[in-house]
Amino acid sequence: MNPRRIRLDDHIGNTDGWFIWGGVNFTQSAENIALENTDRGPKLTAELHKRDGGYRERQGLFLADKIENRDGHLHFTGP
């Protein structure tokens, strides 16, 4: 595994149109996935599939809330 990469699908899921930390495979139920550069660091955004078949309006998740760089290695700090 490349220490400067982290597979977001291993740590982020989708529950009824909301991002959740500690989930998995959010990309299987997301559209228009993007990363935004913000003052708080990178923000993952997407339109997420809901249980009723529709999509929730664009949701966002600040990656620095749970992912940190330790001496050049990216680490998930937990749900």
N, C-alpha and C. Protein backbone atom coordinates (compact mmCIF):
# COMPACT_ATOMS: atom_id res chain seq x y z
N MET A 1 0.84 -1.18 0.00
CA MET A 1 0.00 0.00 0.00
C MET A 1 0.88 1.24 0.00
N ASN A 2 0.55 2.19 -0.82
CA ASN A 2 1.28 3.45 -0.87
C ASN A 2 0.91 4.28 0.36
N PRO A 3 1.90 4.68 1.18
CA PRO A 3 1.59 5.39 2.42
C PRO A 3 1.02 6.79 2.21
N ARG A 4 1.12 7.32 0.99
CA ARG A 4 0.60 8.65 0.72
C ARG A 4 -0.80 8.60 0.12
N ARG A 5 -1.40 7.46 0.16
CA ARG A 5 -2.76 7.27 -0.35
C ARG A 5 -3.59 6.61 0.72
N ILE A 6 -4.87 6.87 0.62
CA ILE A 6 -5.81 6.18 1.50
C ILE A 6 -7.07 5.91 0.68
N ARG A 7 -7.58 4.72 0.78
CA ARG A 7 -8.78 4.35 0.01
C ARG A 7 -10.01 4.78 0.81
N LEU A 8 -10.65 5.85 0.35
CA LEU A 8 -11.78 6.42 1.09
C LEU A 8 -12.93 5.44 1.22
N ASP A 9 -13.13 4.57 0.24
CA ASP A 9 -14.20 3.57 0.30
C ASP A 9 -14.02 2.59 1.46
N ASP A 10 -12.82 2.50 2.03
CA ASP A 10 -12.59 1.63 3.18
C ASP A 10 -13.01 2.28 4.49
N HIS A 11 -13.35 3.58 4.47
CA HIS A 11 -13.60 4.32 5.70
C HIS A 11 -14.86 5.17 5.70
N ILE A 12 -15.48 5.34 4.53
CA ILE A 12 -16.66 6.21 4.42
C ILE A 12 -17.79 5.45 3.74
N GLY A 13 -18.96 5.53 4.32
CA GLY A 13 -20.13 4.88 3.74
C GLY A 13 -21.26 5.88 3.50
N ASN A 14 -22.39 5.34 3.09
CA ASN A 14 -23.60 6.13 2.84
C ASN A 14 -24.76 5.46 3.56
N THR A 15 -25.42 6.22 4.42
CA THR A 15 -26.64 5.75 5.07
C THR A 15 -27.77 6.69 4.72
N ASP A 16 -28.66 6.24 3.87
CA ASP A 16 -29.85 6.99 3.45
C ASP A 16 -29.53 8.41 2.97
N GLY A 17 -28.42 8.53 2.23
CA GLY A 17 -28.08 9.81 1.65
C GLY A 17 -27.15 10.67 2.47
N TRP A 18 -26.62 10.13 3.56
CA TRP A 18 -25.69 10.86 4.42
C TRP A 18 -24.36 10.13 4.46
N PHE A 19 -23.26 10.88 4.35
CA PHE A 19 -21.94 10.28 4.56
C PHE A 19 -21.84 9.80 6.00
N ILE A 20 -21.16 8.66 6.20
CA ILE A 20 -20.88 8.19 7.55
C ILE A 20 -19.43 7.72 7.63
N TRP A 21 -18.73 8.17 8.66
CA TRP A 21 -17.40 7.66 8.94
C TRP A 21 -17.52 6.24 9.49
N GLY A 22 -16.58 5.38 9.17
CA GLY A 22 -16.61 4.01 9.65
C GLY A 22 -17.45 3.10 8.78
N GLY A 23 -18.09 3.65 7.76
CA GLY A 23 -18.82 2.85 6.79
C GLY A 23 -17.89 2.45 5.65
N VAL A 24 -18.45 1.87 4.61
CA VAL A 24 -17.65 1.45 3.46
C VAL A 24 -18.42 1.69 2.16
N ASN A 25 -17.66 1.79 1.09
CA ASN A 25 -18.17 1.78 -0.29
C ASN A 25 -19.17 2.88 -0.63
N PHE A 26 -18.93 4.09 -0.15
CA PHE A 26 -19.84 5.19 -0.49
C PHE A 26 -19.92 5.41 -1.99
N THR A 27 -18.86 5.09 -2.74
CA THR A 27 -18.86 5.37 -4.18
C THR A 27 -19.87 4.51 -4.94
N GLN A 28 -20.33 3.41 -4.35
CA GLN A 28 -21.31 2.56 -5.01
C GLN A 28 -22.70 3.19 -5.04
N SER A 29 -22.90 4.24 -4.24
CA SER A 29 -24.22 4.88 -4.20
C SER A 29 -24.11 6.40 -4.23
N ALA A 30 -23.12 6.90 -4.97
CA ALA A 30 -22.89 8.35 -5.04
C ALA A 30 -22.77 8.80 -6.49
N GLU A 31 -23.17 10.03 -6.73
CA GLU A 31 -23.04 10.67 -8.04
C GLU A 31 -22.28 11.99 -7.86
N ASN A 32 -21.63 12.42 -8.92
CA ASN A 32 -20.96 13.73 -8.93
C ASN A 32 -20.01 13.91 -7.74
N ILE A 33 -19.16 12.92 -7.52
CA ILE A 33 -18.18 12.95 -6.43
C ILE A 33 -17.11 13.98 -6.76
N ALA A 34 -16.76 14.80 -5.76
CA ALA A 34 -15.73 15.82 -5.98
C ALA A 34 -14.98 16.09 -4.68
N LEU A 35 -13.78 16.64 -4.82
CA LEU A 35 -13.01 17.15 -3.69
C LEU A 35 -12.93 18.66 -3.82
N GLU A 36 -13.22 19.35 -2.74
CA GLU A 36 -13.13 20.81 -2.73
C GLU A 36 -12.01 21.21 -1.78
N ASN A 37 -11.23 22.21 -2.16
CA ASN A 37 -10.19 22.75 -1.30
C ASN A 37 -10.81 23.85 -0.45
N THR A 38 -10.79 23.70 0.87
CA THR A 38 -11.38 24.69 1.77
C THR A 38 -10.36 25.12 2.81
N ASP A 39 -10.71 26.13 3.59
CA ASP A 39 -9.83 26.58 4.68
C ASP A 39 -9.64 25.49 5.73
N ARG A 40 -10.58 24.57 5.84
CA ARG A 40 -10.48 23.44 6.79
C ARG A 40 -9.79 22.23 6.18
N GLY A 41 -9.33 22.35 4.96
CA GLY A 41 -8.70 21.24 4.27
C GLY A 41 -9.65 20.64 3.24
N PRO A 42 -9.28 19.48 2.67
CA PRO A 42 -10.09 18.89 1.61
C PRO A 42 -11.47 18.46 2.12
N LYS A 43 -12.47 18.75 1.30
CA LYS A 43 -13.85 18.38 1.61
C LYS A 43 -14.37 17.48 0.49
N LEU A 44 -14.78 16.29 0.86
CA LEU A 44 -15.39 15.35 -0.07
C LEU A 44 -16.86 15.72 -0.22
N THR A 45 -17.34 15.85 -1.45
CA THR A 45 -18.75 16.15 -1.68
C THR A 45 -19.33 15.18 -2.70
N ALA A 46 -20.62 14.95 -2.60
CA ALA A 46 -21.32 14.06 -3.54
C ALA A 46 -22.82 14.16 -3.32
N GLU A 47 -23.56 13.71 -4.31
CA GLU A 47 -25.00 13.49 -4.17
C GLU A 47 -25.16 12.01 -3.86
N LEU A 48 -25.76 11.71 -2.72
CA LEU A 48 -25.82 10.33 -2.23
C LEU A 48 -27.22 9.75 -2.36
N HIS A 49 -27.27 8.49 -2.76
CA HIS A 49 -28.51 7.75 -2.96
C HIS A 49 -29.22 7.53 -1.63
N LYS A 50 -30.53 7.70 -1.63
CA LYS A 50 -31.36 7.46 -0.45
C LYS A 50 -32.10 6.13 -0.60
N ARG A 51 -32.65 5.63 0.49
CA ARG A 51 -33.40 4.37 0.48
C ARG A 51 -34.61 4.43 -0.44
N ASP A 52 -35.23 5.61 -0.57
CA ASP A 52 -36.44 5.72 -1.38
C ASP A 52 -36.16 5.79 -2.87
N GLY A 53 -34.88 5.69 -3.25
CA GLY A 53 -34.51 5.68 -4.66
C GLY A 53 -34.05 7.02 -5.19
N GLY A 54 -34.31 8.08 -4.46
CA GLY A 54 -33.86 9.40 -4.89
C GLY A 54 -32.44 9.70 -4.41
N TYR A 55 -32.02 10.91 -4.67
CA TYR A 55 -30.71 11.36 -4.21
C TYR A 55 -30.88 12.53 -3.27
N ARG A 56 -30.11 12.52 -2.19
CA ARG A 56 -30.11 13.65 -1.27
C ARG A 56 -29.32 14.78 -1.91
N GLU A 57 -29.64 16.02 -1.55
CA GLU A 57 -28.87 17.16 -2.06
C GLU A 57 -27.40 16.97 -1.69
N ARG A 58 -26.52 17.67 -2.35
CA ARG A 58 -25.08 17.51 -2.19
C ARG A 58 -24.69 17.55 -0.72
N GLN A 59 -23.96 16.51 -0.30
CA GLN A 59 -23.47 16.40 1.06
C GLN A 59 -21.96 16.60 1.07
N GLY A 60 -21.42 16.96 2.22
CA GLY A 60 -19.98 17.17 2.32
C GLY A 60 -19.42 16.57 3.60
N LEU A 61 -18.13 16.22 3.53
CA LEU A 61 -17.44 15.62 4.66
C LEU A 61 -16.01 16.15 4.65
N PHE A 62 -15.57 16.74 5.76
CA PHE A 62 -14.19 17.24 5.84
C PHE A 62 -13.26 16.08 6.16
N LEU A 63 -12.37 15.76 5.23
CA LEU A 63 -11.51 14.60 5.38
C LEU A 63 -10.54 14.73 6.55
N ALA A 64 -10.10 15.94 6.87
CA ALA A 64 -9.15 16.14 7.96
C ALA A 64 -9.77 15.84 9.33
N ASP A 65 -11.10 15.69 9.40
CA ASP A 65 -11.73 15.34 10.68
C ASP A 65 -11.32 13.95 11.14
N LYS A 66 -11.03 13.05 10.20
CA LYS A 66 -10.72 11.66 10.56
C LYS A 66 -9.48 11.08 9.85
N ILE A 67 -8.85 11.87 9.00
CA ILE A 67 -7.65 11.39 8.30
C ILE A 67 -6.53 12.37 8.58
N GLU A 68 -5.39 11.83 9.02
CA GLU A 68 -4.26 12.71 9.32
C GLU A 68 -2.98 12.18 8.69
N ASN A 69 -2.04 13.09 8.53
CA ASN A 69 -0.74 12.77 7.98
C ASN A 69 0.24 12.65 9.14
N ARG A 70 0.80 11.45 9.31
CA ARG A 70 1.81 11.21 10.34
C ARG A 70 3.12 10.86 9.65
N ASP A 71 4.02 11.80 9.62
CA ASP A 71 5.34 11.59 9.01
C ASP A 71 5.23 11.07 7.58
N GLY A 72 4.32 11.64 6.81
CA GLY A 72 4.19 11.28 5.41
C GLY A 72 3.28 10.09 5.14
N HIS A 73 2.67 9.53 6.18
CA HIS A 73 1.75 8.40 6.04
C HIS A 73 0.35 8.84 6.42
N LEU A 74 -0.63 8.54 5.57
CA LEU A 74 -2.02 8.88 5.86
C LEU A 74 -2.65 7.82 6.76
N HIS A 75 -3.33 8.27 7.80
CA HIS A 75 -3.96 7.36 8.76
C HIS A 75 -5.40 7.77 9.00
N PHE A 76 -6.28 6.77 9.06
CA PHE A 76 -7.66 6.98 9.46
C PHE A 76 -7.68 6.93 10.98
N THR A 77 -8.23 7.96 11.62
CA THR A 77 -8.18 8.04 13.08
C THR A 77 -9.39 7.43 13.77
N GLY A 78 -10.29 6.85 13.00
CA GLY A 78 -11.42 6.12 13.59
C GLY A 78 -12.75 6.82 13.45
N PRO A 79 -13.82 6.04 13.62
CA PRO A 79 -15.17 6.59 13.46
C PRO A 79 -15.47 7.53 14.57
